[in-house]
Amino acid sequence: MKSNWKKQRQATKKRQIKLLRWRNNFVKKYGFKNVAELGIRASEAARKIADAFYNVLKQLTKMRTTNETNV
């Protein structure tokens, strides 16, 4: 008969293995070599989006200030 802590340890181990397999399959499916590369590309994409959004906001505030001075 197995004790409760052994059962819990085995269940945790199975869960970790399942998550590890899922993560590795996800990474390979989308053409990344490893999880670190996925993180780097995600941060680069976020930076590009933020830069584009910053430029749009800058233009909008510039337009707003010129419209307020013209009124």
PDB file of N, CA and C in Angstrom:
ATOM      1  N   MET A   1       0.833  -1.178   0.000  1.00  0.00           N
ATOM      2  CA  MET A   1       0.000   0.000   0.000  1.00  0.00           C
ATOM      3  C   MET A   1       0.890   1.260   0.000  1.00  0.00           C
ATOM      4  N   LYS A   2       0.559   2.200  -0.891  1.00  0.00           N
ATOM      5  CA  LYS A   2       1.348   3.421  -0.998  1.00  0.00           C
ATOM      6  C   LYS A   2       0.823   4.467  -0.029  1.00  0.00           C
ATOM      7  N   SER A   3       1.745   5.252   0.466  1.00  0.00           N
ATOM      8  CA  SER A   3       1.334   6.334   1.353  1.00  0.00           C
ATOM      9  C   SER A   3       0.864   7.530   0.519  1.00  0.00           C
ATOM     10  N   ASN A   4       0.166   8.425   1.171  1.00  0.00           N
ATOM     11  CA  ASN A   4      -0.400   9.588   0.470  1.00  0.00           C
ATOM     12  C   ASN A   4       0.671  10.486  -0.124  1.00  0.00           C
ATOM     13  N   TRP A   5       1.775  10.702   0.573  1.00  0.00           N
ATOM     14  CA  TRP A   5       2.803  11.588   0.044  1.00  0.00           C
ATOM     15  C   TRP A   5       3.444  11.009  -1.204  1.00  0.00           C
ATOM     16  N   LYS A   6       3.538   9.649  -1.283  1.00  0.00           N
ATOM     17  CA  LYS A   6       4.097   9.021  -2.485  1.00  0.00           C
ATOM     18  C   LYS A   6       3.157   9.206  -3.665  1.00  0.00           C
ATOM     19  N   LYS A   7       1.874   9.045  -3.426  1.00  0.00           N
ATOM     20  CA  LYS A   7       0.893   9.232  -4.487  1.00  0.00           C
ATOM     21  C   LYS A   7       0.926  10.677  -4.989  1.00  0.00           C
ATOM     22  N   GLN A   8       1.015  11.600  -4.063  1.00  0.00           N
ATOM     23  CA  GLN A   8       1.043  13.007  -4.429  1.00  0.00           C
ATOM     24  C   GLN A   8       2.305  13.341  -5.225  1.00  0.00           C
ATOM     25  N   ARG A   9       3.431  12.778  -4.804  1.00  0.00           N
ATOM     26  CA  ARG A   9       4.690  13.016  -5.518  1.00  0.00           C
ATOM     27  C   ARG A   9       4.621  12.469  -6.939  1.00  0.00           C
ATOM     28  N   GLN A  10       4.057  11.274  -7.091  1.00  0.00           N
ATOM     29  CA  GLN A  10       3.944  10.677  -8.419  1.00  0.00           C
ATOM     30  C   GLN A  10       2.996  11.475  -9.315  1.00  0.00           C
ATOM     31  N   ALA A  11       1.911  11.967  -8.733  1.00  0.00           N
ATOM     32  CA  ALA A  11       0.968  12.767  -9.520  1.00  0.00           C
ATOM     33  C   ALA A  11       1.629  14.061  -9.972  1.00  0.00           C
ATOM     34  N   THR A  12       2.397  14.681  -9.087  1.00  0.00           N
ATOM     35  CA  THR A  12       3.095  15.917  -9.436  1.00  0.00           C
ATOM     36  C   THR A  12       4.118  15.654 -10.531  1.00  0.00           C
ATOM     37  N   LYS A  13       4.819  14.562 -10.437  1.00  0.00           N
ATOM     38  CA  LYS A  13       5.826  14.204 -11.436  1.00  0.00           C
ATOM     39  C   LYS A  13       5.166  14.002 -12.806  1.00  0.00           C
ATOM     40  N   LYS A  14       4.029  13.294 -12.823  1.00  0.00           N
ATOM     41  CA  LYS A  14       3.310  13.077 -14.077  1.00  0.00           C
ATOM     42  C   LYS A  14       2.852  14.402 -14.674  1.00  0.00           C
ATOM     43  N   ARG A  15       2.344  15.299 -13.835  1.00  0.00           N
ATOM     44  CA  ARG A  15       1.874  16.600 -14.287  1.00  0.00           C
ATOM     45  C   ARG A  15       3.024  17.410 -14.875  1.00  0.00           C
ATOM     46  N   GLN A  16       4.177  17.391 -14.210  1.00  0.00           N
ATOM     47  CA  GLN A  16       5.339  18.135 -14.704  1.00  0.00           C
ATOM     48  C   GLN A  16       5.815  17.599 -16.046  1.00  0.00           C
ATOM     49  N   ILE A  17       5.817  16.286 -16.187  1.00  0.00           N
ATOM     50  CA  ILE A  17       6.251  15.680 -17.447  1.00  0.00           C
ATOM     51  C   ILE A  17       5.278  16.045 -18.561  1.00  0.00           C
ATOM     52  N   LYS A  18       3.980  16.015 -18.262  1.00  0.00           N
ATOM     53  CA  LYS A  18       2.971  16.347 -19.257  1.00  0.00           C
ATOM     54  C   LYS A  18       3.110  17.802 -19.706  1.00  0.00           C
ATOM     55  N   LEU A  19       3.308  18.702 -18.747  1.00  0.00           N
ATOM     56  CA  LEU A  19       3.483  20.114 -19.088  1.00  0.00           C
ATOM     57  C   LEU A  19       4.765  20.352 -19.884  1.00  0.00           C
ATOM     58  N   LEU A  20       5.834  19.660 -19.514  1.00  0.00           N
ATOM     59  CA  LEU A  20       7.097  19.794 -20.232  1.00  0.00           C
ATOM     60  C   LEU A  20       6.956  19.331 -21.678  1.00  0.00           C
ATOM     61  N   ARG A  21       6.283  18.207 -21.879  1.00  0.00           N
ATOM     62  CA  ARG A  21       6.055  17.714 -23.250  1.00  0.00           C
ATOM     63  C   ARG A  21       5.218  18.698 -24.050  1.00  0.00           C
ATOM     64  N   TRP A  22       4.150  19.219 -23.416  1.00  0.00           N
ATOM     65  CA  TRP A  22       3.279  20.167 -24.109  1.00  0.00           C
ATOM     66  C   TRP A  22       4.061  21.410 -24.518  1.00  0.00           C
ATOM     67  N   ARG A  23       4.876  21.936 -23.594  1.00  0.00           N
ATOM     68  CA  ARG A  23       5.657  23.141 -23.880  1.00  0.00           C
ATOM     69  C   ARG A  23       6.658  22.894 -25.006  1.00  0.00           C
ATOM     70  N   ASN A  24       7.339  21.754 -24.968  1.00  0.00           N
ATOM     71  CA  ASN A  24       8.319  21.460 -26.012  1.00  0.00           C
ATOM     72  C   ASN A  24       7.652  21.281 -27.373  1.00  0.00           C
ATOM     73  N   ASN A  25       6.493  20.611 -27.384  1.00  0.00           N
ATOM     74  CA  ASN A  25       5.772  20.451 -28.649  1.00  0.00           C
ATOM     75  C   ASN A  25       5.296  21.796 -29.189  1.00  0.00           C
ATOM     76  N   PHE A  26       4.831  22.669 -28.316  1.00  0.00           N
ATOM     77  CA  PHE A  26       4.387  24.001 -28.719  1.00  0.00           C
ATOM     78  C   PHE A  26       5.537  24.781 -29.337  1.00  0.00           C
ATOM     79  N   VAL A  27       6.696  24.733 -28.688  1.00  0.00           N
ATOM     80  CA  VAL A  27       7.865  25.468 -29.175  1.00  0.00           C
ATOM     81  C   VAL A  27       8.289  24.941 -30.541  1.00  0.00           C
ATOM     82  N   LYS A  28       8.343  23.627 -30.698  1.00  0.00           N
ATOM     83  CA  LYS A  28       8.759  23.041 -31.978  1.00  0.00           C
ATOM     84  C   LYS A  28       7.731  23.299 -33.073  1.00  0.00           C
ATOM     85  N   LYS A  29       6.450  23.291 -32.705  1.00  0.00           N
ATOM     86  CA  LYS A  29       5.375  23.483 -33.683  1.00  0.00           C
ATOM     87  C   LYS A  29       5.495  24.829 -34.373  1.00  0.00           C
ATOM     88  N   TYR A  30       5.881  25.855 -33.638  1.00  0.00           N
ATOM     89  CA  TYR A  30       5.976  27.194 -34.205  1.00  0.00           C
ATOM     90  C   TYR A  30       7.389  27.561 -34.649  1.00  0.00           C
ATOM     91  N   GLY A  31       8.277  26.598 -34.732  1.00  0.00           N
ATOM     92  CA  GLY A  31       9.580  26.800 -35.350  1.00  0.00           C
ATOM     93  C   GLY A  31      10.647  27.428 -34.478  1.00  0.00           C
ATOM     94  N   PHE A  32      10.496  27.376 -33.174  1.00  0.00           N
ATOM     95  CA  PHE A  32      11.519  27.902 -32.285  1.00  0.00           C
ATOM     96  C   PHE A  32      12.409  26.750 -31.827  1.00  0.00           C
ATOM     97  N   LYS A  33      13.654  27.075 -31.522  1.00  0.00           N
ATOM     98  CA  LYS A  33      14.576  26.029 -31.076  1.00  0.00           C
ATOM     99  C   LYS A  33      14.366  25.686 -29.611  1.00  0.00           C
ATOM    100  N   ASN A  34      14.075  26.713 -28.805  1.00  0.00           N
ATOM    101  CA  ASN A  34      13.843  26.476 -27.379  1.00  0.00           C
ATOM    102  C   ASN A  34      12.970  27.585 -26.809  1.00  0.00           C
ATOM    103  N   VAL A  35      12.661  27.476 -25.547  1.00  0.00           N
ATOM    104  CA  VAL A  35      11.767  28.435 -24.901  1.00  0.00           C
ATOM    105  C   VAL A  35      12.411  29.820 -24.810  1.00  0.00           C
ATOM    106  N   ALA A  36      13.707  29.878 -24.636  1.00  0.00           N
ATOM    107  CA  ALA A  36      14.396  31.170 -24.535  1.00  0.00           C
ATOM    108  C   ALA A  36      14.246  31.967 -25.830  1.00  0.00           C
ATOM    109  N   GLU A  37      14.364  31.292 -26.958  1.00  0.00           N
ATOM    110  CA  GLU A  37      14.213  31.973 -28.243  1.00  0.00           C
ATOM    111  C   GLU A  37      12.786  32.496 -28.407  1.00  0.00           C
ATOM    112  N   LEU A  38      11.823  31.732 -27.954  1.00  0.00           N
ATOM    113  CA  LEU A  38      10.431  32.170 -27.990  1.00  0.00           C
ATOM    114  C   LEU A  38      10.256  33.452 -27.172  1.00  0.00           C
ATOM    115  N   GLY A  39      10.849  33.491 -25.998  1.00  0.00           N
ATOM    116  CA  GLY A  39      10.755  34.682 -25.149  1.00  0.00           C
ATOM    117  C   GLY A  39      11.415  35.894 -25.772  1.00  0.00           C
ATOM    118  N   ILE A  40      12.555  35.693 -26.400  1.00  0.00           N
ATOM    119  CA  ILE A  40      13.271  36.799 -27.041  1.00  0.00           C
ATOM    120  C   ILE A  40      12.442  37.374 -28.181  1.00  0.00           C
ATOM    121  N   ARG A  41      11.888  36.500 -29.000  1.00  0.00           N
ATOM    122  CA  ARG A  41      11.082  36.986 -30.130  1.00  0.00           C
ATOM    123  C   ARG A  41       9.805  37.671 -29.655  1.00  0.00           C
ATOM    124  N   ALA A  42       9.218  37.174 -28.600  1.00  0.00           N
ATOM    125  CA  ALA A  42       8.008  37.804 -28.061  1.00  0.00           C
ATOM    126  C   ALA A  42       8.323  39.197 -27.526  1.00  0.00           C
ATOM    127  N   SER A  43       9.457  39.337 -26.840  1.00  0.00           N
ATOM    128  CA  SER A  43       9.818  40.660 -26.314  1.00  0.00           C
ATOM    129  C   SER A  43      10.159  41.625 -27.447  1.00  0.00           C
ATOM    130  N   GLU A  44      10.781  41.147 -28.513  1.00  0.00           N
ATOM    131  CA  GLU A  44      11.070  42.009 -29.654  1.00  0.00           C
ATOM    132  C   GLU A  44       9.783  42.489 -30.317  1.00  0.00           C
ATOM    133  N   ALA A  45       8.824  41.586 -30.447  1.00  0.00           N
ATOM    134  CA  ALA A  45       7.536  41.962 -31.045  1.00  0.00           C
ATOM    135  C   ALA A  45       6.824  42.990 -30.177  1.00  0.00           C
ATOM    136  N   ALA A  46       6.863  42.795 -28.878  1.00  0.00           N
ATOM    137  CA  ALA A  46       6.221  43.739 -27.963  1.00  0.00           C
ATOM    138  C   ALA A  46       6.893  45.107 -28.048  1.00  0.00           C
ATOM    139  N   ARG A  47       8.201  45.118 -28.170  1.00  0.00           N
ATOM    140  CA  ARG A  47       8.933  46.383 -28.283  1.00  0.00           C
ATOM    141  C   ARG A  47       8.551  47.116 -29.572  1.00  0.00           C
ATOM    142  N   LYS A  48       8.426  46.389 -30.682  1.00  0.00           N
ATOM    143  CA  LYS A  48       8.047  47.015 -31.944  1.00  0.00           C
ATOM    144  C   LYS A  48       6.642  47.606 -31.861  1.00  0.00           C
ATOM    145  N   ILE A  49       5.737  46.876 -31.229  1.00  0.00           N
ATOM    146  CA  ILE A  49       4.367  47.378 -31.070  1.00  0.00           C
ATOM    147  C   ILE A  49       4.365  48.636 -30.205  1.00  0.00           C
ATOM    148  N   ALA A  50       5.116  48.615 -29.129  1.00  0.00           N
ATOM    149  CA  ALA A  50       5.178  49.772 -28.235  1.00  0.00           C
ATOM    150  C   ALA A  50       5.772  50.980 -28.951  1.00  0.00           C
ATOM    151  N   ASP A  51       6.810  50.776 -29.755  1.00  0.00           N
ATOM    152  CA  ASP A  51       7.417  51.885 -30.499  1.00  0.00           C
ATOM    153  C   ASP A  51       6.428  52.490 -31.492  1.00  0.00           C
ATOM    154  N   ALA A  52       5.692  51.629 -32.192  1.00  0.00           N
ATOM    155  CA  ALA A  52       4.707  52.122 -33.153  1.00  0.00           C
ATOM    156  C   ALA A  52       3.595  52.880 -32.434  1.00  0.00           C
ATOM    157  N   PHE A  53       3.153  52.367 -31.322  1.00  0.00           N
ATOM    158  CA  PHE A  53       2.096  53.019 -30.556  1.00  0.00           C
ATOM    159  C   PHE A  53       2.572  54.367 -30.022  1.00  0.00           C
ATOM    160  N   TYR A  54       3.818  54.439 -29.608  1.00  0.00           N
ATOM    161  CA  TYR A  54       4.381  55.694 -29.109  1.00  0.00           C
ATOM    162  C   TYR A  54       4.380  56.757 -30.208  1.00  0.00           C
ATOM    163  N   ASN A  55       4.774  56.360 -31.426  1.00  0.00           N
ATOM    164  CA  ASN A  55       4.788  57.312 -32.540  1.00  0.00           C
ATOM    165  C   ASN A  55       3.383  57.816 -32.851  1.00  0.00           C
ATOM    166  N   VAL A  56       2.401  56.929 -32.796  1.00  0.00           N
ATOM    167  CA  VAL A  56       1.018  57.330 -33.065  1.00  0.00           C
ATOM    168  C   VAL A  56       0.547  58.312 -32.000  1.00  0.00           C
ATOM    169  N   LEU A  57       0.823  58.017 -30.736  1.00  0.00           N
ATOM    170  CA  LEU A  57       0.421  58.924 -29.659  1.00  0.00           C
ATOM    171  C   LEU A  57       1.095  60.287 -29.794  1.00  0.00           C
ATOM    172  N   LYS A  58       2.353  60.274 -30.181  1.00  0.00           N
ATOM    173  CA  LYS A  58       3.089  61.528 -30.342  1.00  0.00           C
ATOM    174  C   LYS A  58       2.441  62.384 -31.436  1.00  0.00           C
ATOM    175  N   GLN A  59       2.065  61.745 -32.548  1.00  0.00           N
ATOM    176  CA  GLN A  59       1.414  62.467 -33.637  1.00  0.00           C
ATOM    177  C   GLN A  59       0.047  62.999 -33.210  1.00  0.00           C
ATOM    178  N   LEU A  60      -0.706  62.196 -32.465  1.00  0.00           N
ATOM    179  CA  LEU A  60      -2.029  62.627 -32.019  1.00  0.00           C
ATOM    180  C   LEU A  60      -1.941  63.823 -31.082  1.00  0.00           C
ATOM    181  N   THR A  61      -0.997  63.786 -30.150  1.00  0.00           N
ATOM    182  CA  THR A  61      -0.861  64.915 -29.232  1.00  0.00           C
ATOM    183  C   THR A  61      -0.383  66.164 -29.970  1.00  0.00           C
ATOM    184  N   LYS A  62       0.448  65.976 -30.964  1.00  0.00           N
ATOM    185  CA  LYS A  62       0.923  67.114 -31.761  1.00  0.00           C
ATOM    186  C   LYS A  62      -0.252  67.726 -32.532  1.00  0.00           C
ATOM    187  N   MET A  63      -1.120  66.869 -33.096  1.00  0.00           N
ATOM    188  CA  MET A  63      -2.287  67.365 -33.816  1.00  0.00           C
ATOM    189  C   MET A  63      -3.240  68.076 -32.857  1.00  0.00           C
ATOM    190  N   ARG A  64      -3.387  67.524 -31.672  1.00  0.00           N
ATOM    191  CA  ARG A  64      -4.305  68.110 -30.694  1.00  0.00           C
ATOM    192  C   ARG A  64      -3.833  69.505 -30.277  1.00  0.00           C
ATOM    193  N   THR A  65      -2.547  69.649 -30.046  1.00  0.00           N
ATOM    194  CA  THR A  65      -2.027  70.956 -29.625  1.00  0.00           C
ATOM    195  C   THR A  65      -2.150  71.977 -30.757  1.00  0.00           C
ATOM    196  N   THR A  66      -1.938  71.558 -31.994  1.00  0.00           N
ATOM    197  CA  THR A  66      -2.088  72.513 -33.111  1.00  0.00           C
ATOM    198  C   THR A  66      -3.547  72.889 -33.301  1.00  0.00           C
ATOM    199  N   ASN A  67      -4.471  71.973 -33.098  1.00  0.00           N
ATOM    200  CA  ASN A  67      -5.896  72.278 -33.222  1.00  0.00           C
ATOM    201  C   ASN A  67      -6.352  73.218 -32.119  1.00  0.00           C
ATOM    202  N   GLU A  68      -5.815  73.045 -30.925  1.00  0.00           N
ATOM    203  CA  GLU A  68      -6.207  73.919 -29.822  1.00  0.00           C
ATOM    204  C   GLU A  68      -5.685  75.338 -30.027  1.00  0.00           C
ATOM    205  N   THR A  69      -4.531  75.476 -30.622  1.00  0.00           N
ATOM    206  CA  THR A  69      -3.992  76.821 -30.855  1.00  0.00           C
ATOM    207  C   THR A  69      -4.705  77.514 -32.004  1.00  0.00           C
ATOM    208  N   ASN A  70      -5.257  76.750 -32.948  1.00  0.00           N
ATOM    209  CA  ASN A  70      -5.955  77.329 -34.087  1.00  0.00           C
ATOM    210  C   ASN A  70      -7.343  77.820 -33.717  1.00  0.00           C
ATOM    211  N   VAL A  71      -7.913  77.312 -32.647  1.00  0.00           N
ATOM    212  CA  VAL A  71      -9.286  77.682 -32.262  1.00  0.00           C
ATOM    213  C   VAL A  71      -9.355  78.983 -31.615  1.00  0.00           C
TER     214      VAL A  71
END
